[in-house]
PDB file of N, CA and C in Angstrom:
ATOM      1  N   UNK A   1     121.697  97.303  78.749  1.00  0.00           N
ATOM      2  CA  UNK A   1     122.522  96.888  79.814  1.00  0.00           C
ATOM      3  C   UNK A   1     121.988  97.557  81.128  1.00  0.00           C
ATOM      4  N   UNK A   2     122.051  96.699  82.060  1.00  0.00           N
ATOM      5  CA  UNK A   2     121.459  97.057  83.373  1.00  0.00           C
ATOM      6  C   UNK A   2     122.633  97.728  84.129  1.00  0.00           C
ATOM      7  N   UNK A   3     122.056  98.663  84.899  1.00  0.00           N
ATOM      8  CA  UNK A   3     123.110  99.430  85.880  1.00  0.00           C
ATOM      9  C   UNK A   3     122.998  98.934  87.094  1.00  0.00           C
ATOM     10  N   UNK A   4     124.127  98.262  87.591  1.00  0.00           N
ATOM     11  CA  UNK A   4     124.107  97.518  88.759  1.00  0.00           C
ATOM     12  C   UNK A   4     123.931  98.405  89.976  1.00  0.00           C
ATOM     13  N   UNK A   5     124.361  99.700  89.946  1.00  0.00           N
ATOM     14  CA  UNK A   5     124.255 100.577  90.955  1.00  0.00           C
ATOM     15  C   UNK A   5     122.853 101.133  91.411  1.00  0.00           C
ATOM     16  N   UNK A   6     121.962 101.113  90.451  1.00  0.00           N
ATOM     17  CA  UNK A   6     120.567 101.534  90.664  1.00  0.00           C
ATOM     18  C   UNK A   6     119.576 100.512  90.484  1.00  0.00           C
ATOM     19  N   UNK A   7     119.834  99.368  89.974  1.00  0.00           N
ATOM     20  CA  UNK A   7     118.802  98.329  89.809  1.00  0.00           C
ATOM     21  C   UNK A   7     118.472  97.792  90.999  1.00  0.00           C
ATOM     22  N   UNK A   8     117.265  97.346  91.271  1.00  0.00           N
ATOM     23  CA  UNK A   8     116.838  96.537  92.367  1.00  0.00           C
ATOM     24  C   UNK A   8     117.307  95.079  92.416  1.00  0.00           C
ATOM     25  N   UNK A   9     117.951  94.746  93.525  1.00  0.00           N
ATOM     26  CA  UNK A   9     118.468  93.325  93.675  1.00  0.00           C
ATOM     27  C   UNK A   9     117.279  92.353  94.003  1.00  0.00           C
ATOM     28  N   UNK A  10     116.155  92.859  94.120  1.00  0.00           N
ATOM     29  CA  UNK A  10     115.131  91.833  94.564  1.00  0.00           C
ATOM     30  C   UNK A  10     114.865  91.654  96.020  1.00  0.00           C
ATOM     31  N   UNK A  11     115.585  92.263  96.761  1.00  0.00           N
ATOM     32  CA  UNK A  11     115.589  92.124  98.216  1.00  0.00           C
ATOM     33  C   UNK A  11     114.329  92.946  98.772  1.00  0.00           C
ATOM     34  N   UNK A  12     114.086  94.007  98.064  1.00  0.00           N
ATOM     35  CA  UNK A  12     112.882  94.781  98.416  1.00  0.00           C
ATOM     36  C   UNK A  12     113.122  95.886  99.305  1.00  0.00           C
ATOM     37  N   UNK A  13     114.015  95.659 100.313  1.00  0.00           N
ATOM     38  CA  UNK A  13     114.291  96.814 101.305  1.00  0.00           C
ATOM     39  C   UNK A  13     115.775  96.726 101.735  1.00  0.00           C
ATOM     40  N   UNK A  14     116.157  98.099 102.158  1.00  0.00           N
ATOM     41  CA  UNK A  14     117.586  98.237 102.548  1.00  0.00           C
ATOM     42  C   UNK A  14     117.569  98.816 104.035  1.00  0.00           C
ATOM     43  N   UNK A  15     118.566  98.444 104.819  1.00  0.00           N
ATOM     44  CA  UNK A  15     118.685  99.034 106.066  1.00  0.00           C
ATOM     45  C   UNK A  15     119.718 100.201 105.996  1.00  0.00           C
ATOM     46  N   UNK A  16     119.269 101.295 106.441  1.00  0.00           N
ATOM     47  CA  UNK A  16     120.144 102.597 106.362  1.00  0.00           C
ATOM     48  C   UNK A  16     120.424 102.997 107.718  1.00  0.00           C
ATOM     49  N   UNK A  17     121.770 103.280 108.107  1.00  0.00           N
ATOM     50  CA  UNK A  17     122.145 103.763 109.458  1.00  0.00           C
ATOM     51  C   UNK A  17     122.855 105.121 109.154  1.00  0.00           C
ATOM     52  N   UNK A  18     122.414 106.126 109.978  1.00  0.00           N
ATOM     53  CA  UNK A  18     123.237 107.515 110.080  1.00  0.00           C
ATOM     54  C   UNK A  18     124.412 107.185 110.825  1.00  0.00           C
ATOM     55  N   UNK A  19     125.643 107.478 110.294  1.00  0.00           N
ATOM     56  CA  UNK A  19     126.802 107.294 111.097  1.00  0.00           C
ATOM     57  C   UNK A  19     127.609 108.536 111.378  1.00  0.00           C
ATOM     58  N   UNK A  20     127.258 109.676 110.597  1.00  0.00           N
ATOM     59  CA  UNK A  20     127.805 110.991 110.768  1.00  0.00           C
ATOM     60  C   UNK A  20     126.763 112.088 110.736  1.00  0.00           C
ATOM     61  N   UNK A  21     127.128 113.141 111.410  1.00  0.00           N
ATOM     62  CA  UNK A  21     126.118 114.234 111.653  1.00  0.00           C
ATOM     63  C   UNK A  21     126.180 115.164 110.323  1.00  0.00           C
ATOM     64  N   UNK A  22     124.975 115.586 110.128  1.00  0.00           N
ATOM     65  CA  UNK A  22     124.794 116.438 108.904  1.00  0.00           C
ATOM     66  C   UNK A  22     125.337 117.989 109.203  1.00  0.00           C
ATOM     67  N   UNK A  23     125.680 118.308 110.421  1.00  0.00           N
ATOM     68  CA  UNK A  23     126.145 119.580 110.626  1.00  0.00           C
ATOM     69  C   UNK A  23     127.449 119.767 109.834  1.00  0.00           C
ATOM     70  N   UNK A  24     127.582 120.943 109.255  1.00  0.00           N
ATOM     71  CA  UNK A  24     128.679 121.292 108.486  1.00  0.00           C
ATOM     72  C   UNK A  24     128.765 120.903 107.012  1.00  0.00           C
ATOM     73  N   UNK A  25     127.570 120.123 106.715  1.00  0.00           N
ATOM     74  CA  UNK A  25     127.301 119.903 105.173  1.00  0.00           C
ATOM     75  C   UNK A  25     126.304 120.606 104.665  1.00  0.00           C
ATOM     76  N   UNK A  26     126.197 120.508 103.361  1.00  0.00           N
ATOM     77  CA  UNK A  26     125.124 121.212 102.487  1.00  0.00           C
ATOM     78  C   UNK A  26     123.713 120.984 103.195  1.00  0.00           C
ATOM     79  N   UNK A  27     122.948 121.960 103.238  1.00  0.00           N
ATOM     80  CA  UNK A  27     121.588 121.970 103.787  1.00  0.00           C
ATOM     81  C   UNK A  27     120.739 120.771 103.097  1.00  0.00           C
ATOM     82  N   UNK A  28     120.831 120.695 101.829  1.00  0.00           N
ATOM     83  CA  UNK A  28     119.938 119.806 101.048  1.00  0.00           C
ATOM     84  C   UNK A  28     120.506 118.401 101.397  1.00  0.00           C
ATOM     85  N   UNK A  29     121.605 118.024 101.847  1.00  0.00           N
ATOM     86  CA  UNK A  29     121.994 116.844 102.236  1.00  0.00           C
ATOM     87  C   UNK A  29     121.416 116.433 103.625  1.00  0.00           C
ATOM     88  N   UNK A  30     121.098 117.454 104.432  1.00  0.00           N
ATOM     89  CA  UNK A  30     120.287 117.156 105.769  1.00  0.00           C
ATOM     90  C   UNK A  30     118.900 116.907 105.475  1.00  0.00           C
ATOM     91  N   UNK A  31     118.466 117.623 104.393  1.00  0.00           N
ATOM     92  CA  UNK A  31     116.996 117.389 104.105  1.00  0.00           C
ATOM     93  C   UNK A  31     116.860 115.924 103.445  1.00  0.00           C
ATOM     94  N   UNK A  32     117.810 115.374 102.664  1.00  0.00           N
ATOM     95  CA  UNK A  32     117.784 114.195 102.175  1.00  0.00           C
ATOM     96  C   UNK A  32     117.879 113.095 103.468  1.00  0.00           C
ATOM     97  N   UNK A  33     118.644 113.323 104.359  1.00  0.00           N
ATOM     98  CA  UNK A  33     118.779 112.416 105.500  1.00  0.00           C
ATOM     99  C   UNK A  33     117.321 112.336 106.105  1.00  0.00           C
ATOM    100  N   UNK A  34     116.818 113.544 106.406  1.00  0.00           N
ATOM    101  CA  UNK A  34     115.541 113.671 107.108  1.00  0.00           C
ATOM    102  C   UNK A  34     114.271 112.861 106.277  1.00  0.00           C
ATOM    103  N   UNK A  35     114.461 113.102 104.813  1.00  0.00           N
ATOM    104  CA  UNK A  35     113.554 112.390 103.956  1.00  0.00           C
ATOM    105  C   UNK A  35     113.640 110.933 103.964  1.00  0.00           C
ATOM    106  N   UNK A  36     114.911 110.339 104.403  1.00  0.00           N
ATOM    107  CA  UNK A  36     115.044 109.033 104.417  1.00  0.00           C
ATOM    108  C   UNK A  36     114.447 108.471 105.860  1.00  0.00           C
ATOM    109  N   UNK A  37     114.166 109.262 106.713  1.00  0.00           N
ATOM    110  CA  UNK A  37     113.593 108.890 107.979  1.00  0.00           C
ATOM    111  C   UNK A  37     114.589 108.879 109.125  1.00  0.00           C
ATOM    112  N   UNK A  38     115.821 109.309 108.828  1.00  0.00           N
ATOM    113  CA  UNK A  38     116.734 109.268 109.961  1.00  0.00           C
ATOM    114  C   UNK A  38     116.770 110.480 110.790  1.00  0.00           C
ATOM    115  N   UNK A  39     116.834 110.231 112.124  1.00  0.00           N
ATOM    116  CA  UNK A  39     116.672 111.428 113.054  1.00  0.00           C
ATOM    117  C   UNK A  39     117.996 111.666 113.753  1.00  0.00           C
ATOM    118  N   UNK A  40     118.578 110.737 114.126  1.00  0.00           N
ATOM    119  CA  UNK A  40     119.890 110.963 114.939  1.00  0.00           C
ATOM    120  C   UNK A  40     121.025 109.894 114.503  1.00  0.00           C
ATOM    121  N   UNK A  41     122.239 110.142 115.030  1.00  0.00           N
ATOM    122  CA  UNK A  41     123.350 109.325 114.679  1.00  0.00           C
ATOM    123  C   UNK A  41     123.027 107.916 115.494  1.00  0.00           C
ATOM    124  N   UNK A  42     123.388 106.889 114.672  1.00  0.00           N
ATOM    125  CA  UNK A  42     123.186 105.459 114.963  1.00  0.00           C
ATOM    126  C   UNK A  42     121.611 105.081 114.814  1.00  0.00           C
ATOM    127  N   UNK A  43     120.915 105.818 114.224  1.00  0.00           N
ATOM    128  CA  UNK A  43     119.402 105.424 114.003  1.00  0.00           C
ATOM    129  C   UNK A  43     119.423 104.857 112.720  1.00  0.00           C
ATOM    130  N   UNK A  44     118.564 103.603 112.761  1.00  0.00           N
ATOM    131  CA  UNK A  44     118.588 102.817 111.574  1.00  0.00           C
ATOM    132  C   UNK A  44     117.095 102.741 111.112  1.00  0.00           C
ATOM    133  N   UNK A  45     116.867 102.819 109.789  1.00  0.00           N
ATOM    134  CA  UNK A  45     115.561 102.743 109.249  1.00  0.00           C
ATOM    135  C   UNK A  45     115.539 101.693 108.024  1.00  0.00           C
ATOM    136  N   UNK A  46     114.492 101.073 107.917  1.00  0.00           N
ATOM    137  CA  UNK A  46     114.418 100.390 106.630  1.00  0.00           C
ATOM    138  C   UNK A  46     113.539 100.866 105.491  1.00  0.00           C
ATOM    139  N   UNK A  47     114.181 101.122 104.399  1.00  0.00           N
ATOM    140  CA  UNK A  47     113.597 101.722 103.235  1.00  0.00           C
ATOM    141  C   UNK A  47     113.371 100.855 102.046  1.00  0.00           C
ATOM    142  N   UNK A  48     112.404 101.126 101.242  1.00  0.00           N
ATOM    143  CA  UNK A  48     112.152 100.205 100.058  1.00  0.00           C
ATOM    144  C   UNK A  48     113.397 100.512  99.037  1.00  0.00           C
ATOM    145  N   UNK A  49     113.799  99.470  98.443  1.00  0.00           N
ATOM    146  CA  UNK A  49     114.895  99.526  97.484  1.00  0.00           C
ATOM    147  C   UNK A  49     114.371  99.874  96.133  1.00  0.00           C
ATOM    148  N   UNK A  50     114.322 101.280  95.814  1.00  0.00           N
ATOM    149  CA  UNK A  50     113.945 101.862  94.514  1.00  0.00           C
ATOM    150  C   UNK A  50     115.015 102.689  93.953  1.00  0.00           C
ATOM    151  N   UNK A  51     114.766 103.171  92.714  1.00  0.00           N
ATOM    152  CA  UNK A  51     115.705 103.926  92.002  1.00  0.00           C
ATOM    153  C   UNK A  51     115.770 105.255  92.833  1.00  0.00           C
ATOM    154  N   UNK A  52     114.655 105.775  93.233  1.00  0.00           N
ATOM    155  CA  UNK A  52     114.617 107.114  94.005  1.00  0.00           C
ATOM    156  C   UNK A  52     115.398 107.002  95.267  1.00  0.00           C
ATOM    157  N   UNK A  53     115.259 105.963  96.176  1.00  0.00           N
ATOM    158  CA  UNK A  53     115.970 105.897  97.345  1.00  0.00           C
ATOM    159  C   UNK A  53     117.531 105.620  97.038  1.00  0.00           C
ATOM    160  N   UNK A  54     117.816 104.910  96.067  1.00  0.00           N
ATOM    161  CA  UNK A  54     119.365 104.793  95.718  1.00  0.00           C
ATOM    162  C   UNK A  54     119.828 106.225  95.339  1.00  0.00           C
ATOM    163  N   UNK A  55     119.102 106.940  94.701  1.00  0.00           N
ATOM    164  CA  UNK A  55     119.600 108.270  94.296  1.00  0.00           C
ATOM    165  C   UNK A  55     119.696 109.043  95.671  1.00  0.00           C
ATOM    166  N   UNK A  56     119.058 109.092  96.483  1.00  0.00           N
ATOM    167  CA  UNK A  56     119.025 109.795  97.732  1.00  0.00           C
ATOM    168  C   UNK A  56     120.325 109.242  98.565  1.00  0.00           C
ATOM    169  N   UNK A  57     120.495 107.899  98.639  1.00  0.00           N
ATOM    170  CA  UNK A  57     121.641 107.364  99.241  1.00  0.00           C
ATOM    171  C   UNK A  57     122.881 107.645  98.623  1.00  0.00           C
ATOM    172  N   UNK A  58     122.899 107.782  97.322  1.00  0.00           N
ATOM    173  CA  UNK A  58     124.075 108.248  96.697  1.00  0.00           C
ATOM    174  C   UNK A  58     124.484 109.525  97.093  1.00  0.00           C
ATOM    175  N   UNK A  59     123.651 110.410  97.201  1.00  0.00           N
ATOM    176  CA  UNK A  59     123.788 111.861  97.585  1.00  0.00           C
ATOM    177  C   UNK A  59     124.434 112.056  98.970  1.00  0.00           C
ATOM    178  N   UNK A  60     124.095 111.115  99.998  1.00  0.00           N
ATOM    179  CA  UNK A  60     124.533 111.331 101.151  1.00  0.00           C
ATOM    180  C   UNK A  60     125.399 110.030 101.761  1.00  0.00           C
ATOM    181  N   UNK A  61     126.018 109.412 100.696  1.00  0.00           N
ATOM    182  CA  UNK A  61     126.718 108.093 100.990  1.00  0.00           C
ATOM    183  C   UNK A  61     127.897 108.310 101.975  1.00  0.00           C
ATOM    184  N   UNK A  62     128.398 109.601 102.146  1.00  0.00           N
ATOM    185  CA  UNK A  62     129.494 109.841 102.980  1.00  0.00           C
ATOM    186  C   UNK A  62     128.963 109.911 104.513  1.00  0.00           C
ATOM    187  N   UNK A  63     127.692 110.027 104.758  1.00  0.00           N
ATOM    188  CA  UNK A  63     126.984 109.999 106.151  1.00  0.00           C
ATOM    189  C   UNK A  63     126.323 108.860 106.614  1.00  0.00           C
ATOM    190  N   UNK A  64     126.105 107.915 105.700  1.00  0.00           N
ATOM    191  CA  UNK A  64     125.314 106.740 106.034  1.00  0.00           C
ATOM    192  C   UNK A  64     126.016 105.429 105.680  1.00  0.00           C
ATOM    193  N   UNK A  65     125.555 104.201 106.321  1.00  0.00           N
ATOM    194  CA  UNK A  65     125.972 102.966 105.901  1.00  0.00           C
ATOM    195  C   UNK A  65     124.714 102.250 105.486  1.00  0.00           C
ATOM    196  N   UNK A  66     124.889 101.374 104.464  1.00  0.00           N
ATOM    197  CA  UNK A  66     123.666 100.591 103.912  1.00  0.00           C
ATOM    198  C   UNK A  66     123.942  99.148 103.876  1.00  0.00           C
ATOM    199  N   UNK A  67     122.885  98.454 104.432  1.00  0.00           N
ATOM    200  CA  UNK A  67     122.920  97.152 104.434  1.00  0.00           C
ATOM    201  C   UNK A  67     121.792  96.415 103.698  1.00  0.00           C
ATOM    202  N   UNK A  68     121.926  95.458 102.962  1.00  0.00           N
ATOM    203  CA  UNK A  68     120.908  94.870 102.186  1.00  0.00           C
ATOM    204  C   UNK A  68     120.105  93.714 102.796  1.00  0.00           C
TER     205      UNK A  68
END
């Protein structure tokens, strides 16, 4: 059975925008945000849609918005 949350939808990439500051949150969450390539609030990057990036996005889902 396929997991809809982590399976690639075939789009190939996701647009991720940082909408909330990492200040006041766990340090590892800030490292995940930097690992995604986000530098400042309202900064948008395009990342590959892989299981690894989905896991990173799940960890900081309260700080970012994701568009397919």
